[in-house]
Amino acid sequence: MPKYLVQASYTTEGAKGVASKGGSARRDAVAKMYEASGGKMEAFYFAFGDVDAYVFGELPSNEAATALSLAVNSSGAANCTVVALLTPEEVDAAAQAAVQYTPPGG
């Protein structure tokens, strides 16, 4: 199953929700969202800085990852970015693939 990294930044309302219910409640809610999407959350970390939370997990498809992103971003409580993660073996296969490319001006 494809793996994804979700980077979330809370809005003022989202931060109030985390402060009210706590970090473990937020982690559990995100895990349920992954499960309902047919995936599995593997790790959830809060952080300092521009990104408030980093979530690693599996989702069945890019469509499921997009649906997750749309749900979070349309909530008004957080903004997220979803990053598709590749295994070293997937990069090995990509490195062996033939690609026809003409650079600009070429």
N, C-alpha and C. Protein backbone atom coordinates (compact mmCIF):
# COMPACT_ATOMS: atom_id res chain seq x y z
N MET A 1 0.85 -1.17 0.00
CA MET A 1 0.00 0.00 0.00
C MET A 1 0.90 1.24 0.00
N PRO A 2 0.56 2.27 -0.79
CA PRO A 2 1.39 3.48 -0.82
C PRO A 2 1.45 4.17 0.54
N LYS A 3 2.60 4.77 0.79
CA LYS A 3 2.82 5.50 2.05
C LYS A 3 2.84 7.00 1.76
N TYR A 4 2.36 7.74 2.74
CA TYR A 4 2.27 9.19 2.62
C TYR A 4 2.71 9.86 3.92
N LEU A 5 3.24 11.07 3.76
CA LEU A 5 3.52 11.96 4.88
C LEU A 5 2.54 13.11 4.79
N VAL A 6 1.81 13.36 5.86
CA VAL A 6 0.91 14.51 5.92
C VAL A 6 1.52 15.50 6.90
N GLN A 7 1.68 16.73 6.43
CA GLN A 7 2.17 17.82 7.28
C GLN A 7 1.00 18.76 7.52
N ALA A 8 0.62 18.96 8.77
CA ALA A 8 -0.55 19.76 9.09
C ALA A 8 -0.17 20.97 9.94
N SER A 9 -0.79 22.08 9.62
CA SER A 9 -0.64 23.30 10.41
C SER A 9 -2.04 23.71 10.87
N TYR A 10 -2.19 23.89 12.17
CA TYR A 10 -3.50 24.21 12.72
C TYR A 10 -3.81 25.69 12.58
N THR A 11 -5.07 25.99 12.28
CA THR A 11 -5.56 27.36 12.34
C THR A 11 -5.79 27.69 13.82
N THR A 12 -6.21 28.88 14.10
CA THR A 12 -6.52 29.26 15.48
C THR A 12 -7.58 28.34 16.06
N GLU A 13 -8.62 28.06 15.28
CA GLU A 13 -9.68 27.18 15.76
C GLU A 13 -9.17 25.76 15.98
N GLY A 14 -8.32 25.27 15.09
CA GLY A 14 -7.76 23.93 15.25
C GLY A 14 -6.88 23.83 16.49
N ALA A 15 -6.08 24.86 16.72
CA ALA A 15 -5.22 24.88 17.91
C ALA A 15 -6.06 24.89 19.18
N LYS A 16 -7.17 25.62 19.16
CA LYS A 16 -8.07 25.63 20.32
C LYS A 16 -8.65 24.23 20.56
N GLY A 17 -8.97 23.52 19.49
CA GLY A 17 -9.50 22.17 19.61
C GLY A 17 -8.48 21.22 20.22
N VAL A 18 -7.21 21.32 19.76
CA VAL A 18 -6.16 20.46 20.32
C VAL A 18 -5.96 20.79 21.80
N ALA A 19 -5.94 22.09 22.12
CA ALA A 19 -5.75 22.50 23.51
C ALA A 19 -6.90 22.01 24.39
N SER A 20 -8.10 21.99 23.85
CA SER A 20 -9.28 21.59 24.61
C SER A 20 -9.34 20.08 24.86
N LYS A 21 -9.08 19.29 23.81
CA LYS A 21 -9.25 17.84 23.92
C LYS A 21 -7.95 17.08 24.12
N GLY A 22 -6.82 17.73 23.85
CA GLY A 22 -5.53 17.09 24.07
C GLY A 22 -4.95 16.44 22.83
N GLY A 23 -3.66 16.19 22.91
CA GLY A 23 -2.92 15.63 21.79
C GLY A 23 -3.28 14.20 21.47
N SER A 24 -3.50 13.38 22.49
CA SER A 24 -3.82 11.98 22.22
C SER A 24 -5.19 11.84 21.57
N ALA A 25 -6.13 12.72 21.90
CA ALA A 25 -7.45 12.69 21.25
C ALA A 25 -7.32 13.04 19.77
N ARG A 26 -6.45 13.99 19.45
CA ARG A 26 -6.23 14.36 18.06
C ARG A 26 -5.59 13.20 17.29
N ARG A 27 -4.59 12.57 17.90
CA ARG A 27 -3.94 11.41 17.29
C ARG A 27 -4.95 10.32 17.02
N ASP A 28 -5.81 10.02 17.98
CA ASP A 28 -6.81 8.97 17.82
C ASP A 28 -7.82 9.31 16.72
N ALA A 29 -8.20 10.57 16.62
CA ALA A 29 -9.15 10.99 15.58
C ALA A 29 -8.52 10.84 14.19
N VAL A 30 -7.25 11.17 14.07
CA VAL A 30 -6.56 11.03 12.79
C VAL A 30 -6.41 9.55 12.43
N ALA A 31 -6.10 8.70 13.41
CA ALA A 31 -6.01 7.26 13.15
C ALA A 31 -7.34 6.72 12.63
N LYS A 32 -8.45 7.17 13.20
CA LYS A 32 -9.77 6.74 12.73
C LYS A 32 -10.02 7.20 11.31
N MET A 33 -9.57 8.40 10.97
CA MET A 33 -9.73 8.91 9.61
C MET A 33 -8.98 8.02 8.62
N TYR A 34 -7.75 7.64 8.97
CA TYR A 34 -6.97 6.74 8.10
C TYR A 34 -7.70 5.41 7.92
N GLU A 35 -8.17 4.83 9.02
CA GLU A 35 -8.86 3.54 8.97
C GLU A 35 -10.13 3.62 8.12
N ALA A 36 -10.88 4.70 8.27
CA ALA A 36 -12.11 4.89 7.49
C ALA A 36 -11.80 5.08 6.01
N SER A 37 -10.58 5.51 5.69
CA SER A 37 -10.16 5.69 4.30
C SER A 37 -9.55 4.42 3.72
N GLY A 38 -9.52 3.35 4.51
CA GLY A 38 -8.96 2.09 4.05
C GLY A 38 -7.47 1.96 4.28
N GLY A 39 -6.91 2.84 5.10
CA GLY A 39 -5.48 2.82 5.36
C GLY A 39 -5.14 2.58 6.81
N LYS A 40 -3.91 2.93 7.15
CA LYS A 40 -3.45 2.76 8.52
C LYS A 40 -2.45 3.87 8.86
N MET A 41 -2.71 4.59 9.93
CA MET A 41 -1.76 5.58 10.43
C MET A 41 -0.63 4.84 11.13
N GLU A 42 0.60 5.16 10.78
CA GLU A 42 1.76 4.50 11.39
C GLU A 42 2.40 5.33 12.49
N ALA A 43 2.38 6.64 12.35
CA ALA A 43 3.00 7.50 13.37
C ALA A 43 2.38 8.89 13.31
N PHE A 44 2.28 9.52 14.46
CA PHE A 44 1.75 10.89 14.58
C PHE A 44 2.65 11.63 15.54
N TYR A 45 3.19 12.75 15.09
CA TYR A 45 4.06 13.57 15.94
C TYR A 45 3.64 15.03 15.87
N PHE A 46 3.57 15.67 17.03
CA PHE A 46 3.44 17.12 17.08
C PHE A 46 4.84 17.71 16.97
N ALA A 47 4.93 18.96 16.50
CA ALA A 47 6.24 19.59 16.29
C ALA A 47 6.15 21.09 16.55
N PHE A 48 7.31 21.68 16.74
CA PHE A 48 7.43 23.13 16.81
C PHE A 48 7.65 23.65 15.40
N GLY A 49 7.34 24.93 15.18
CA GLY A 49 7.65 25.53 13.88
C GLY A 49 6.41 25.75 13.03
N ASP A 50 6.63 25.85 11.72
CA ASP A 50 5.55 26.13 10.78
C ASP A 50 4.58 24.96 10.65
N VAL A 51 5.06 23.75 10.86
CA VAL A 51 4.22 22.56 10.79
C VAL A 51 3.94 22.09 12.22
N ASP A 52 2.65 21.91 12.51
CA ASP A 52 2.25 21.52 13.87
C ASP A 52 2.22 20.01 14.09
N ALA A 53 1.98 19.26 13.01
CA ALA A 53 1.89 17.80 13.14
C ALA A 53 2.41 17.12 11.88
N TYR A 54 3.11 16.02 12.09
CA TYR A 54 3.59 15.16 11.01
C TYR A 54 2.94 13.80 11.20
N VAL A 55 2.30 13.30 10.14
CA VAL A 55 1.61 12.03 10.22
C VAL A 55 2.12 11.13 9.10
N PHE A 56 2.55 9.93 9.46
CA PHE A 56 3.00 8.94 8.49
C PHE A 56 1.98 7.82 8.44
N GLY A 57 1.68 7.35 7.23
CA GLY A 57 0.75 6.24 7.16
C GLY A 57 0.57 5.72 5.76
N GLU A 58 -0.25 4.67 5.68
CA GLU A 58 -0.56 4.03 4.41
C GLU A 58 -2.00 4.36 4.03
N LEU A 59 -2.18 4.61 2.74
CA LEU A 59 -3.52 4.79 2.19
C LEU A 59 -3.59 3.98 0.90
N PRO A 60 -4.78 3.53 0.52
CA PRO A 60 -4.87 2.63 -0.61
C PRO A 60 -4.54 3.25 -1.97
N SER A 61 -4.61 4.56 -2.09
CA SER A 61 -4.42 5.17 -3.41
C SER A 61 -4.19 6.67 -3.30
N ASN A 62 -3.78 7.26 -4.41
CA ASN A 62 -3.67 8.72 -4.48
C ASN A 62 -5.04 9.37 -4.30
N GLU A 63 -6.08 8.71 -4.77
CA GLU A 63 -7.43 9.24 -4.61
C GLU A 63 -7.80 9.33 -3.13
N ALA A 64 -7.45 8.29 -2.36
CA ALA A 64 -7.73 8.31 -0.92
C ALA A 64 -6.92 9.41 -0.23
N ALA A 65 -5.67 9.59 -0.65
CA ALA A 65 -4.84 10.65 -0.08
C ALA A 65 -5.41 12.03 -0.42
N THR A 66 -5.90 12.18 -1.63
CA THR A 66 -6.52 13.45 -2.04
C THR A 66 -7.79 13.72 -1.25
N ALA A 67 -8.61 12.68 -1.05
CA ALA A 67 -9.83 12.84 -0.27
C ALA A 67 -9.51 13.26 1.16
N LEU A 68 -8.49 12.65 1.75
CA LEU A 68 -8.06 13.01 3.09
C LEU A 68 -7.64 14.49 3.12
N SER A 69 -6.84 14.89 2.16
CA SER A 69 -6.37 16.28 2.09
C SER A 69 -7.53 17.25 1.93
N LEU A 70 -8.47 16.92 1.06
CA LEU A 70 -9.63 17.80 0.86
C LEU A 70 -10.45 17.93 2.14
N ALA A 71 -10.63 16.82 2.85
CA ALA A 71 -11.41 16.86 4.10
C ALA A 71 -10.73 17.74 5.14
N VAL A 72 -9.41 17.58 5.30
CA VAL A 72 -8.69 18.38 6.30
C VAL A 72 -8.68 19.84 5.90
N ASN A 73 -8.32 20.12 4.66
CA ASN A 73 -8.19 21.52 4.23
C ASN A 73 -9.52 22.25 4.17
N SER A 74 -10.62 21.55 3.91
CA SER A 74 -11.91 22.22 3.85
C SER A 74 -12.55 22.38 5.24
N SER A 75 -11.95 21.78 6.26
CA SER A 75 -12.51 21.86 7.61
C SER A 75 -12.36 23.25 8.23
N GLY A 76 -11.35 23.99 7.79
CA GLY A 76 -11.07 25.28 8.41
C GLY A 76 -10.27 25.18 9.70
N ALA A 77 -10.01 23.96 10.18
CA ALA A 77 -9.28 23.78 11.43
C ALA A 77 -7.79 23.53 11.21
N ALA A 78 -7.44 23.14 9.99
CA ALA A 78 -6.03 22.85 9.69
C ALA A 78 -5.81 22.97 8.19
N ASN A 79 -4.57 23.18 7.84
CA ASN A 79 -4.13 23.14 6.45
C ASN A 79 -3.10 22.04 6.37
N CYS A 80 -3.21 21.19 5.34
CA CYS A 80 -2.25 20.10 5.24
C CYS A 80 -1.67 19.99 3.85
N THR A 81 -0.51 19.39 3.81
CA THR A 81 0.18 19.03 2.58
C THR A 81 0.42 17.54 2.65
N VAL A 82 0.14 16.84 1.56
CA VAL A 82 0.35 15.40 1.50
C VAL A 82 1.52 15.13 0.57
N VAL A 83 2.46 14.33 1.04
CA VAL A 83 3.66 13.98 0.27
C VAL A 83 3.65 12.47 0.07
N ALA A 84 3.71 12.04 -1.21
CA ALA A 84 3.83 10.62 -1.51
C ALA A 84 5.26 10.18 -1.19
N LEU A 85 5.40 9.07 -0.48
CA LEU A 85 6.71 8.57 -0.10
C LEU A 85 7.07 7.36 -0.96
N LEU A 86 8.33 7.27 -1.36
CA LEU A 86 8.81 6.18 -2.21
C LEU A 86 9.84 5.35 -1.47
N THR A 87 9.82 4.05 -1.71
CA THR A 87 10.84 3.18 -1.14
C THR A 87 12.11 3.29 -1.98
N PRO A 88 13.26 2.92 -1.43
CA PRO A 88 14.48 2.90 -2.23
C PRO A 88 14.35 2.01 -3.47
N GLU A 89 13.62 0.91 -3.36
CA GLU A 89 13.43 0.01 -4.49
C GLU A 89 12.60 0.67 -5.60
N GLU A 90 11.62 1.48 -5.21
CA GLU A 90 10.85 2.21 -6.23
C GLU A 90 11.73 3.22 -6.96
N VAL A 91 12.63 3.86 -6.24
CA VAL A 91 13.56 4.79 -6.87
C VAL A 91 14.53 4.03 -7.78
N ASP A 92 14.98 2.85 -7.34
CA ASP A 92 15.83 2.02 -8.20
C ASP A 92 15.13 1.73 -9.52
N ALA A 93 13.88 1.32 -9.45
CA ALA A 93 13.12 1.01 -10.67
C ALA A 93 12.96 2.25 -11.54
N ALA A 94 12.70 3.39 -10.92
CA ALA A 94 12.55 4.63 -11.68
C ALA A 94 13.87 5.02 -12.36
N ALA A 95 14.97 4.79 -11.67
CA ALA A 95 16.28 5.13 -12.23
C ALA A 95 16.59 4.30 -13.47
N GLN A 96 16.00 3.11 -13.56
CA GLN A 96 16.23 2.22 -14.71
C GLN A 96 15.25 2.47 -15.85
N ALA A 97 14.22 3.24 -15.61
CA ALA A 97 13.21 3.50 -16.64
C ALA A 97 13.75 4.45 -17.70
N ALA A 98 13.44 4.15 -18.94
CA ALA A 98 13.84 5.02 -20.05
C ALA A 98 12.82 6.15 -20.19
N VAL A 99 13.32 7.36 -20.23
CA VAL A 99 12.45 8.53 -20.36
C VAL A 99 12.99 9.39 -21.51
N GLN A 100 12.10 9.74 -22.43
CA GLN A 100 12.49 10.67 -23.50
C GLN A 100 12.16 12.06 -23.02
N TYR A 101 13.20 12.89 -22.98
CA TYR A 101 13.03 14.25 -22.46
C TYR A 101 13.87 15.20 -23.29
N THR A 102 13.28 16.30 -23.66
CA THR A 102 14.01 17.37 -24.34
C THR A 102 13.98 18.58 -23.42
N PRO A 103 15.16 19.05 -22.97
CA PRO A 103 15.16 20.22 -22.08
C PRO A 103 14.72 21.48 -22.83
N PRO A 104 14.26 22.48 -22.08
CA PRO A 104 13.86 23.72 -22.72
C PRO A 104 15.00 24.27 -23.60
N GLY A 105 14.63 24.67 -24.79
CA GLY A 105 15.63 25.20 -25.72
C GLY A 105 16.41 24.13 -26.45
N GLY A 106 16.13 22.85 -26.16
CA GLY A 106 16.88 21.74 -26.74
C GLY A 106 16.34 21.24 -28.04
